[in-house]
C-alpha atoms as a PDB file:
ATOM      1  CA  MET A   1       0.000   0.000   0.000  1.00  0.00           C
ATOM      2  CA  THR A   2       1.384   3.383  -1.000  1.00  0.00           C
ATOM      3  CA  VAL A   3       1.184   6.061   1.666  1.00  0.00           C
ATOM      4  CA  LEU A   4       0.831   9.589   0.349  1.00  0.00           C
ATOM      5  CA  THR A   5       2.082  12.488   2.404  1.00  0.00           C
ATOM      6  CA  LYS A   6       1.094  16.063   1.902  1.00  0.00           C
ATOM      7  CA  THR A   7       3.733  18.780   1.776  1.00  0.00           C
ATOM      8  CA  ASP A   8       2.777  22.425   1.630  1.00  0.00           C
ATOM      9  CA  ILE A   9       5.200  24.334  -0.582  1.00  0.00           C
ATOM     10  CA  PRO A  10       4.817  28.106  -0.188  1.00  0.00           C
ATOM     11  CA  LEU A  11       4.701  30.211  -3.323  1.00  0.00           C
ATOM     12  CA  VAL A  12       7.281  32.543  -1.790  1.00  0.00           C
ATOM     13  CA  ASP A  13       9.498  31.536   1.120  1.00  0.00           C
ATOM     14  CA  LEU A  14      11.110  34.738   2.348  1.00  0.00           C
ATOM     15  CA  LYS A  15      12.374  33.068   5.522  1.00  0.00           C
ATOM     16  CA  ALA A  16      14.409  30.562   3.526  1.00  0.00           C
ATOM     17  CA  GLN A  17      15.921  33.341   1.463  1.00  0.00           C
ATOM     18  CA  TYR A  18      16.653  35.449   4.534  1.00  0.00           C
ATOM     19  CA  ARG A  19      18.602  32.617   6.139  1.00  0.00           C
ATOM     20  CA  THR A  20      21.056  32.687   3.208  1.00  0.00           C
ATOM     21  CA  ILE A  21      21.744  36.423   3.513  1.00  0.00           C
ATOM     22  CA  ARG A  22      21.119  37.102   7.199  1.00  0.00           C
ATOM     23  CA  ASP A  23      24.648  38.271   8.061  1.00  0.00           C
ATOM     24  CA  GLU A  24      24.804  40.626   5.069  1.00  0.00           C
ATOM     25  CA  VAL A  25      21.377  42.063   5.890  1.00  0.00           C
ATOM     26  CA  ARG A  26      22.156  42.677   9.540  1.00  0.00           C
ATOM     27  CA  ALA A  27      25.517  44.274   8.772  1.00  0.00           C
ATOM     28  CA  ALA A  28      24.021  46.565   6.144  1.00  0.00           C
ATOM     29  CA  ILE A  29      21.165  47.646   8.424  1.00  0.00           C
ATOM     30  CA  ASP A  30      23.616  48.294  11.265  1.00  0.00           C
ATOM     31  CA  ASP A  31      25.655  50.531   8.948  1.00  0.00           C
ATOM     32  CA  VAL A  32      22.550  52.548   8.097  1.00  0.00           C
ATOM     33  CA  LEU A  33      21.574  52.959  11.746  1.00  0.00           C
ATOM     34  CA  GLU A  34      25.096  54.037  12.659  1.00  0.00           C
ATOM     35  CA  SER A  35      24.977  56.741   9.975  1.00  0.00           C
ATOM     36  CA  MET A  36      21.272  57.587  10.501  1.00  0.00           C
ATOM     37  CA  GLN A  37      20.887  58.289   6.766  1.00  0.00           C
ATOM     38  CA  LEU A  38      17.332  56.983   6.866  1.00  0.00           C
ATOM     39  CA  THR A  39      15.629  58.319   3.748  1.00  0.00           C
ATOM     40  CA  ILE A  40      17.169  59.635   0.516  1.00  0.00           C
ATOM     41  CA  GLY A  41      20.861  59.409   1.300  1.00  0.00           C
ATOM     42  CA  PRO A  42      24.083  57.887  -0.043  1.00  0.00           C
ATOM     43  CA  ASN A  43      22.752  54.326  -0.188  1.00  0.00           C
ATOM     44  CA  VAL A  44      19.622  55.362  -2.050  1.00  0.00           C
ATOM     45  CA  ARG A  45      21.630  57.390  -4.560  1.00  0.00           C
ATOM     46  CA  ALA A  46      24.046  54.497  -5.020  1.00  0.00           C
ATOM     47  CA  PHE A  47      21.152  52.075  -5.473  1.00  0.00           C
ATOM     48  CA  ASP A  48      19.578  54.326  -8.107  1.00  0.00           C
ATOM     49  CA  GLN A  49      22.845  54.422 -10.046  1.00  0.00           C
ATOM     50  CA  GLU A  50      23.410  50.686  -9.778  1.00  0.00           C
ATOM     51  CA  TYR A  51      19.863  49.757 -10.738  1.00  0.00           C
ATOM     52  CA  ALA A  52      19.979  52.108 -13.737  1.00  0.00           C
ATOM     53  CA  ALA A  53      23.195  50.395 -14.868  1.00  0.00           C
ATOM     54  CA  PHE A  54      21.627  46.966 -14.309  1.00  0.00           C
ATOM     55  CA  CYS A  55      18.668  47.920 -16.533  1.00  0.00           C
ATOM     56  CA  GLY A  56      20.806  49.678 -19.119  1.00  0.00           C
ATOM     57  CA  ALA A  57      19.025  52.998 -18.523  1.00  0.00           C
ATOM     58  CA  LYS A  58      20.505  56.437 -17.812  1.00  0.00           C
ATOM     59  CA  HIS A  59      18.417  57.026 -14.707  1.00  0.00           C
ATOM     60  CA  ALA A  60      16.615  55.101 -11.983  1.00  0.00           C
ATOM     61  CA  ILE A  61      14.486  56.944  -9.438  1.00  0.00           C
ATOM     62  CA  GLY A  62      13.653  54.973  -6.312  1.00  0.00           C
ATOM     63  CA  VAL A  63      10.101  55.374  -4.981  1.00  0.00           C
ATOM     64  CA  GLY A  64       7.832  53.871  -2.349  1.00  0.00           C
ATOM     65  CA  SER A  65       6.113  51.200  -4.462  1.00  0.00           C
ATOM     66  CA  GLY A  66       5.430  49.965  -7.955  1.00  0.00           C
ATOM     67  CA  THR A  67       2.131  51.833  -7.840  1.00  0.00           C
ATOM     68  CA  ASP A  68       4.015  55.049  -7.047  1.00  0.00           C
ATOM     69  CA  ALA A  69       6.291  54.325  -9.987  1.00  0.00           C
ATOM     70  CA  LEU A  70       3.366  53.998 -12.393  1.00  0.00           C
ATOM     71  CA  GLN A  71       1.527  56.995 -10.984  1.00  0.00           C
ATOM     72  CA  LEU A  72       4.534  59.332 -11.084  1.00  0.00           C
ATOM     73  CA  ALA A  73       5.512  58.173 -14.569  1.00  0.00           C
ATOM     74  CA  ILE A  74       2.054  59.023 -15.890  1.00  0.00           C
ATOM     75  CA  ARG A  75       2.062  62.377 -14.107  1.00  0.00           C
ATOM     76  CA  ALA A  76       5.513  63.318 -15.412  1.00  0.00           C
ATOM     77  CA  LEU A  77       4.384  62.690 -18.993  1.00  0.00           C
ATOM     78  CA  GLY A  78       1.596  65.222 -18.553  1.00  0.00           C
ATOM     79  CA  ILE A  79      -1.227  62.703 -18.976  1.00  0.00           C
ATOM     80  CA  ALA A  80      -4.418  64.067 -17.428  1.00  0.00           C
ATOM     81  CA  ALA A  81      -8.204  64.214 -17.594  1.00  0.00           C
ATOM     82  CA  GLY A  82      -9.548  63.751 -21.100  1.00  0.00           C
ATOM     83  CA  ASP A  83      -6.574  61.642 -22.222  1.00  0.00           C
ATOM     84  CA  GLU A  84      -6.578  57.907 -22.919  1.00  0.00           C
ATOM     85  CA  VAL A  85      -3.947  55.297 -22.085  1.00  0.00           C
ATOM     86  CA  ILE A  86      -4.048  51.896 -23.765  1.00  0.00           C
ATOM     87  CA  THR A  87      -3.143  48.930 -21.583  1.00  0.00           C
ATOM     88  CA  VAL A  88      -4.189  45.316 -21.072  1.00  0.00           C
ATOM     89  CA  SER A  89      -7.062  43.817 -19.139  1.00  0.00           C
ATOM     90  CA  HIS A  90      -4.876  40.937 -17.906  1.00  0.00           C
ATOM     91  CA  THR A  91      -2.773  42.717 -15.288  1.00  0.00           C
ATOM     92  CA  PHE A  92      -2.739  43.641 -11.609  1.00  0.00           C
ATOM     93  CA  PHE A  93      -5.180  46.382 -10.620  1.00  0.00           C
ATOM     94  CA  ALA A  94      -2.430  48.951  -9.963  1.00  0.00           C
ATOM     95  CA  THR A  95      -1.778  49.325 -13.704  1.00  0.00           C
ATOM     96  CA  VAL A  96      -5.283  50.684 -14.263  1.00  0.00           C
ATOM     97  CA  GLU A  97      -5.442  52.402 -10.876  1.00  0.00           C
ATOM     98  CA  ALA A  98      -2.448  54.583 -11.753  1.00  0.00           C
ATOM     99  CA  ILE A  99      -4.131  55.703 -14.973  1.00  0.00           C
ATOM    100  CA  LEU A 100      -7.351  56.539 -13.108  1.00  0.00           C
ATOM    101  CA  TYR A 101      -5.429  58.585 -10.522  1.00  0.00           C
ATOM    102  CA  SER A 102      -4.344  60.925 -13.321  1.00  0.00           C
ATOM    103  CA  GLY A 103      -7.939  61.473 -14.444  1.00  0.00           C
ATOM    104  CA  ALA A 104      -7.213  59.761 -17.756  1.00  0.00           C
ATOM    105  CA  ARG A 105      -9.305  56.921 -19.164  1.00  0.00           C
ATOM    106  CA  PRO A 106      -7.786  53.429 -19.346  1.00  0.00           C
ATOM    107  CA  ILE A 107      -8.528  51.676 -22.638  1.00  0.00           C
ATOM    108  CA  LEU A 108      -8.274  47.938 -22.042  1.00  0.00           C
ATOM    109  CA  VAL A 109      -7.242  45.616 -24.862  1.00  0.00           C
ATOM    110  CA  ASP A 110      -6.970  41.848 -24.952  1.00  0.00           C
ATOM    111  CA  VAL A 111      -3.810  39.775 -24.687  1.00  0.00           C
ATOM    112  CA  ASP A 112      -2.290  37.220 -27.009  1.00  0.00           C
ATOM    113  CA  PRO A 113      -3.463  33.821 -25.658  1.00  0.00           C
ATOM    114  CA  LYS A 114      -0.023  32.327 -26.312  1.00  0.00           C
ATOM    115  CA  THR A 115       2.015  34.918 -24.430  1.00  0.00           C
ATOM    116  CA  PHE A 116      -0.550  36.637 -22.151  1.00  0.00           C
ATOM    117  CA  ASN A 117       1.035  39.900 -23.269  1.00  0.00           C
ATOM    118  CA  MET A 118      -0.539  42.815 -25.130  1.00  0.00           C
ATOM    119  CA  ASP A 119      -2.083  41.941 -28.500  1.00  0.00           C
ATOM    120  CA  PHE A 120      -0.399  44.350 -30.900  1.00  0.00           C
ATOM    121  CA  ALA A 121      -3.277  44.448 -33.392  1.00  0.00           C
ATOM    122  CA  ALA A 122      -5.776  45.164 -30.617  1.00  0.00           C
ATOM    123  CA  ALA A 123      -3.617  48.006 -29.297  1.00  0.00           C
ATOM    124  CA  ALA A 124      -3.280  49.531 -32.774  1.00  0.00           C
ATOM    125  CA  GLN A 125      -7.048  49.400 -33.314  1.00  0.00           C
ATOM    126  CA  ALA A 126      -7.699  51.077 -29.940  1.00  0.00           C
ATOM    127  CA  ILE A 127      -5.851  54.307 -30.806  1.00  0.00           C
ATOM    128  CA  THR A 128      -8.034  57.418 -30.966  1.00  0.00           C
ATOM    129  CA  PRO A 129      -7.283  61.163 -31.163  1.00  0.00           C
ATOM    130  CA  ARG A 130      -7.330  61.164 -27.330  1.00  0.00           C
ATOM    131  CA  THR A 131      -4.692  58.458 -26.936  1.00  0.00           C
ATOM    132  CA  LYS A 132      -1.548  59.774 -25.258  1.00  0.00           C
ATOM    133  CA  ALA A 133       0.303  56.607 -24.283  1.00  0.00           C
ATOM    134  CA  ILE A 134       0.467  52.838 -24.587  1.00  0.00           C
ATOM    135  CA  MET A 135       1.320  50.904 -21.429  1.00  0.00           C
ATOM    136  CA  PRO A 136       2.450  47.334 -22.212  1.00  0.00           C
ATOM    137  CA  VAL A 137       2.775  45.010 -19.215  1.00  0.00           C
ATOM    138  CA  HIS A 138       5.682  42.569 -19.100  1.00  0.00           C
ATOM    139  CA  LEU A 139       3.924  39.781 -17.232  1.00  0.00           C
ATOM    140  CA  TYR A 140       5.495  36.909 -15.265  1.00  0.00           C
ATOM    141  CA  GLY A 141       8.933  37.950 -16.529  1.00  0.00           C
ATOM    142  CA  ARG A 142       7.902  37.442 -20.156  1.00  0.00           C
ATOM    143  CA  THR A 143       8.381  40.650 -22.106  1.00  0.00           C
ATOM    144  CA  VAL A 144       6.120  42.240 -24.671  1.00  0.00           C
ATOM    145  CA  ASP A 145       7.452  42.465 -28.254  1.00  0.00           C
ATOM    146  CA  MET A 146       8.551  46.083 -28.130  1.00  0.00           C
ATOM    147  CA  LYS A 147       9.818  46.631 -31.683  1.00  0.00           C
ATOM    148  CA  PRO A 148       6.347  46.878 -33.292  1.00  0.00           C
ATOM    149  CA  LEU A 149       4.978  48.915 -30.368  1.00  0.00           C
ATOM    150  CA  LEU A 150       7.854  51.388 -30.510  1.00  0.00           C
ATOM    151  CA  ALA A 151       7.384  51.786 -34.259  1.00  0.00           C
ATOM    152  CA  LEU A 152       3.641  52.295 -33.788  1.00  0.00           C
ATOM    153  CA  ALA A 153       4.195  54.862 -31.023  1.00  0.00           C
ATOM    154  CA  LYS A 154       6.661  56.782 -33.187  1.00  0.00           C
ATOM    155  CA  GLU A 155       4.252  56.772 -36.116  1.00  0.00           C
ATOM    156  CA  LYS A 156       1.322  57.993 -34.009  1.00  0.00           C
ATOM    157  CA  GLY A 157       3.266  60.368 -31.744  1.00  0.00           C
ATOM    158  CA  LEU A 158       2.521  58.380 -28.566  1.00  0.00           C
ATOM    159  CA  GLN A 159       4.473  57.685 -25.383  1.00  0.00           C
ATOM    160  CA  ILE A 160       5.416  54.162 -24.266  1.00  0.00           C
ATOM    161  CA  ILE A 161       5.246  53.448 -20.538  1.00  0.00           C
ATOM    162  CA  GLU A 162       6.662  50.023 -19.704  1.00  0.00           C
ATOM    163  CA  ASP A 163       4.957  48.329 -16.763  1.00  0.00           C
ATOM    164  CA  ALA A 164       7.986  46.220 -15.893  1.00  0.00           C
ATOM    165  CA  CYS A 165       6.890  45.481 -12.327  1.00  0.00           C
ATOM    166  CA  GLN A 166       7.450  41.751 -12.887  1.00  0.00           C
ATOM    167  CA  ALA A 167      10.348  41.901 -15.333  1.00  0.00           C
ATOM    168  CA  HIS A 168      13.546  42.804 -13.482  1.00  0.00           C
ATOM    169  CA  GLY A 169      16.468  41.874 -15.724  1.00  0.00           C
ATOM    170  CA  ALA A 170      14.313  40.381 -18.499  1.00  0.00           C
ATOM    171  CA  THR A 171      15.520  40.902 -22.077  1.00  0.00           C
ATOM    172  CA  LEU A 172      13.420  42.591 -24.763  1.00  0.00           C
ATOM    173  CA  ASP A 173      13.259  41.806 -28.470  1.00  0.00           C
ATOM    174  CA  THR A 174      15.184  45.053 -28.974  1.00  0.00           C
ATOM    175  CA  GLY A 175      18.174  43.482 -27.237  1.00  0.00           C
ATOM    176  CA  ALA A 176      17.822  45.872 -24.304  1.00  0.00           C
ATOM    177  CA  LYS A 177      16.547  44.953 -20.863  1.00  0.00           C
ATOM    178  CA  ALA A 178      13.054  45.698 -19.657  1.00  0.00           C
ATOM    179  CA  GLY A 179      12.928  49.298 -18.511  1.00  0.00           C
ATOM    180  CA  ALA A 180      15.272  50.696 -21.140  1.00  0.00           C
ATOM    181  CA  SER A 181      13.119  51.012 -24.278  1.00  0.00           C
ATOM    182  CA  GLY A 182      10.034  53.005 -23.277  1.00  0.00           C
ATOM    183  CA  ARG A 183      10.020  56.732 -22.578  1.00  0.00           C
ATOM    184  CA  VAL A 184       9.650  55.724 -18.942  1.00  0.00           C
ATOM    185  CA  SER A 185       9.301  52.416 -17.097  1.00  0.00           C
ATOM    186  CA  ALA A 186       7.994  51.287 -13.723  1.00  0.00           C
ATOM    187  CA  PHE A 187       9.303  48.514 -11.465  1.00  0.00           C
ATOM    188  CA  SER A 188       7.891  47.053  -8.264  1.00  0.00           C
ATOM    189  CA  PHE A 189       9.974  45.602  -5.453  1.00  0.00           C
ATOM    190  CA  TYR A 190       7.029  44.169  -3.538  1.00  0.00           C
ATOM    191  CA  CYS A 191       8.201  41.412  -1.221  1.00  0.00           C
ATOM    192  CA  SER A 192       7.048  38.542  -3.461  1.00  0.00           C
ATOM    193  CA  LYS A 193       8.609  39.889  -6.670  1.00  0.00           C
ATOM    194  CA  ASN A 194      11.587  38.177  -8.273  1.00  0.00           C
ATOM    195  CA  LEU A 195      13.581  41.104  -6.906  1.00  0.00           C
ATOM    196  CA  GLY A 196      11.872  42.352  -3.779  1.00  0.00           C
ATOM    197  CA  ALA A 197      12.046  44.545  -0.703  1.00  0.00           C
ATOM    198  CA  TYR A 198      11.183  43.824   2.904  1.00  0.00           C
ATOM    199  CA  GLY A 199       7.816  45.474   2.465  1.00  0.00           C
ATOM    200  CA  GLU A 200       7.238  47.704  -0.549  1.00  0.00           C
ATOM    201  CA  ALA A 201       9.392  49.791  -2.858  1.00  0.00           C
ATOM    202  CA  GLY A 202       9.669  50.663  -6.529  1.00  0.00           C
ATOM    203  CA  SER A 203      11.784  52.324  -9.178  1.00  0.00           C
ATOM    204  CA  ILE A 204      11.253  54.391 -12.322  1.00  0.00           C
ATOM    205  CA  THR A 205      13.779  54.134 -15.158  1.00  0.00           C
ATOM    206  CA  THR A 206      14.220  56.534 -18.066  1.00  0.00           C
ATOM    207  CA  ASN A 207      16.809  57.755 -20.548  1.00  0.00           C
ATOM    208  CA  ASP A 208      15.357  61.274 -20.519  1.00  0.00           C
ATOM    209  CA  ASP A 209      17.394  63.686 -18.353  1.00  0.00           C
ATOM    210  CA  ALA A 210      14.632  66.273 -17.967  1.00  0.00           C
ATOM    211  CA  LEU A 211      12.052  63.615 -17.111  1.00  0.00           C
ATOM    212  CA  ALA A 212      14.358  62.116 -14.480  1.00  0.00           C
ATOM    213  CA  THR A 213      14.781  65.533 -12.843  1.00  0.00           C
ATOM    214  CA  GLU A 214      11.010  66.000 -12.733  1.00  0.00           C
ATOM    215  CA  LEU A 215      10.451  62.523 -11.312  1.00  0.00           C
ATOM    216  CA  ARG A 216      12.960  63.107  -8.509  1.00  0.00           C
ATOM    217  CA  SER A 217      11.105  66.298  -7.656  1.00  0.00           C
ATOM    218  CA  LEU A 218       7.676  64.665  -7.781  1.00  0.00           C
ATOM    219  CA  ARG A 219       8.679  61.834  -5.427  1.00  0.00           C
ATOM    220  CA  GLU A 220       9.567  64.374  -2.735  1.00  0.00           C
ATOM    221  CA  HIS A 221       6.613  66.768  -2.542  1.00  0.00           C
ATOM    222  CA  GLY A 222       7.571  68.545  -5.769  1.00  0.00           C
ATOM    223  CA  GLN A 223      10.818  69.939  -4.393  1.00  0.00           C
ATOM    224  CA  SER A 224      14.186  69.918  -6.124  1.00  0.00           C
ATOM    225  CA  THR A 225      15.602  72.450  -3.679  1.00  0.00           C
ATOM    226  CA  ARG A 226      14.781  71.814  -0.020  1.00  0.00           C
ATOM    227  CA  TYR A 227      11.569  73.558   1.082  1.00  0.00           C
ATOM    228  CA  TYR A 228      11.001  75.071  -2.364  1.00  0.00           C
ATOM    229  CA  HIS A 229       7.940  73.447  -3.931  1.00  0.00           C
ATOM    230  CA  PRO A 230       7.180  74.876  -7.389  1.00  0.00           C
ATOM    231  CA  VAL A 231       4.777  71.994  -8.123  1.00  0.00           C
ATOM    232  CA  ILE A 232       2.535  69.758  -6.022  1.00  0.00           C
ATOM    233  CA  GLY A 233       4.188  66.377  -5.768  1.00  0.00           C
ATOM    234  CA  TYR A 234       3.882  63.278  -3.612  1.00  0.00           C
ATOM    235  CA  ASN A 235       5.498  61.674  -0.613  1.00  0.00           C
ATOM    236  CA  ALA A 236       6.695  58.739  -2.702  1.00  0.00           C
ATOM    237  CA  ARG A 237       9.858  58.044  -0.768  1.00  0.00           C
ATOM    238  CA  SER A 238      10.240  54.716   0.946  1.00  0.00           C
ATOM    239  CA  THR A 239      10.255  54.663   4.758  1.00  0.00           C
ATOM    240  CA  THR A 240      12.406  52.796   7.252  1.00  0.00           C
ATOM    241  CA  ARG A 241       9.478  50.497   8.002  1.00  0.00           C
ATOM    242  CA  ARG A 242       9.854  48.880   4.570  1.00  0.00           C
ATOM    243  CA  VAL A 243      12.803  46.694   5.402  1.00  0.00           C
ATOM    244  CA  ARG A 244      13.875  43.722   3.345  1.00  0.00           C
ATOM    245  CA  ALA A 245      17.317  42.997   2.133  1.00  0.00           C
ATOM    246  CA  PRO A 246      17.647  42.283  -1.558  1.00  0.00           C
ATOM    247  CA  VAL A 247      16.406  45.621  -2.808  1.00  0.00           C
ATOM    248  CA  ALA A 248      14.670  48.836  -1.902  1.00  0.00           C
ATOM    249  CA  VAL A 249      14.896  52.573  -1.815  1.00  0.00           C
ATOM    250  CA  SER A 250      14.980  53.685   1.770  1.00  0.00           C
ATOM    251  CA  SER A 251      18.426  53.519   3.328  1.00  0.00           C
ATOM    252  CA  TRP A 252      17.448  50.451   5.326  1.00  0.00           C
ATOM    253  CA  GLN A 253      16.564  48.770   2.069  1.00  0.00           C
ATOM    254  CA  ALA A 254      19.158  50.108  -0.343  1.00  0.00           C
ATOM    255  CA  ALA A 255      22.182  49.212   1.765  1.00  0.00           C
ATOM    256  CA  PRO A 256      21.347  45.516   2.208  1.00  0.00           C
ATOM    257  CA  TYR A 257      20.375  45.284  -1.462  1.00  0.00           C
ATOM    258  CA  ARG A 258      23.767  46.584  -2.538  1.00  0.00           C
ATOM    259  CA  ALA A 259      25.389  43.821  -0.507  1.00  0.00           C
ATOM    260  CA  ARG A 260      23.202  41.205  -2.196  1.00  0.00           C
ATOM    261  CA  SER A 261      22.517  42.343  -5.767  1.00  0.00           C
ATOM    262  CA  SER A 262      25.367  40.370  -7.337  1.00  0.00           C
ATOM    263  CA  SER A 263      23.891  37.179  -5.868  1.00  0.00           C
ATOM    264  CA  PHE A 264      20.527  37.957  -7.487  1.00  0.00           C
ATOM    265  CA  VAL A 265      22.244  38.337 -10.858  1.00  0.00           C
ATOM    266  CA  SER A 266      24.189  35.095 -10.490  1.00  0.00           C
ATOM    267  CA  VAL A 267      21.066  33.157  -9.449  1.00  0.00           C
ATOM    268  CA  ALA A 268      19.145  34.603 -12.402  1.00  0.00           C
ATOM    269  CA  ARG A 269      21.923  33.570 -14.783  1.00  0.00           C
ATOM    270  CA  ARG A 270      22.032  30.032 -13.372  1.00  0.00           C
ATOM    271  CA  SER A 271      18.262  29.772 -13.761  1.00  0.00           C
ATOM    272  CA  ALA A 272      18.444  31.017 -17.351  1.00  0.00           C
ATOM    273  CA  ASP A 273      21.212  28.525 -18.150  1.00  0.00           C
ATOM    274  CA  SER A 274      19.161  25.733 -16.610  1.00  0.00           C
ATOM    275  CA  PHE A 275      16.088  26.616 -18.682  1.00  0.00           C
ATOM    276  CA  SER A 276      18.219  26.856 -21.835  1.00  0.00           C
ATOM    277  CA  SER A 277      19.756  23.446 -21.185  1.00  0.00           C
ATOM    278  CA  SER A 278      16.362  21.887 -20.555  1.00  0.00           C
ATOM    279  CA  ALA A 279      14.940  23.414 -23.721  1.00  0.00           C
ATOM    280  CA  GLY A 280      17.919  22.205 -25.739  1.00  0.00           C
ATOM    281  CA  SER A 281      17.701  18.648 -24.430  1.00  0.00           C
ATOM    282  CA  GLY A 282      13.952  18.514 -25.137  1.00  0.00           C
END
């Protein structure tokens, strides 16, 4: 008689991961507390530079969450009431929520049943005189074919906002990484993401210098010079309560991430090699 035993395997086991990096995390957090650089300080600036380099973008702007990243990206592009943004129906609610926050209207199109990514033909058919941007969602680490979308956006004079919240390090058909091909891109470091924070955090990447300057201002109450607020912004900085090691944008988060980021890259490469080997042997 065969005896079956039940084993519960968690979708995400943060405790198991923490045990492998505990000493690095504790040391990095201790360094932050000794310096008391608790918000946007040297570790956050270093993280922004390193994450931009990792994505192949000129700028990365750390924010409080992936939702903040989407919302600020839309705001910085000047999208507002009366405008339309094309995105997919098969995505997390925050994609649409960020569009609604701006007062714009989300136009939902279907996905390709083979990839679960944006159907290019459906997106092209959804364009109207009110369309200001197309927001493809790179879902489950699988990236949208960007070449046709970029060509379409150029032809129609539209902006591309990459929702790359689940695509850290993924490669596009352009040869670039997710986050480096759109006018602006949003990443989430929610704790269950493939690259996550202890709590919530996010990042916005762009190759546009002026847009990066505006985004840095918007994340901190619209100020670029302390206590001078020419525009109304947001409190989109991460706080010291959002503490998890691999990545984040408060000092408590950025410092441990910097001690661990190379391990994330090496694990990702081993996983990619494993998948490639399996595919080749099949």
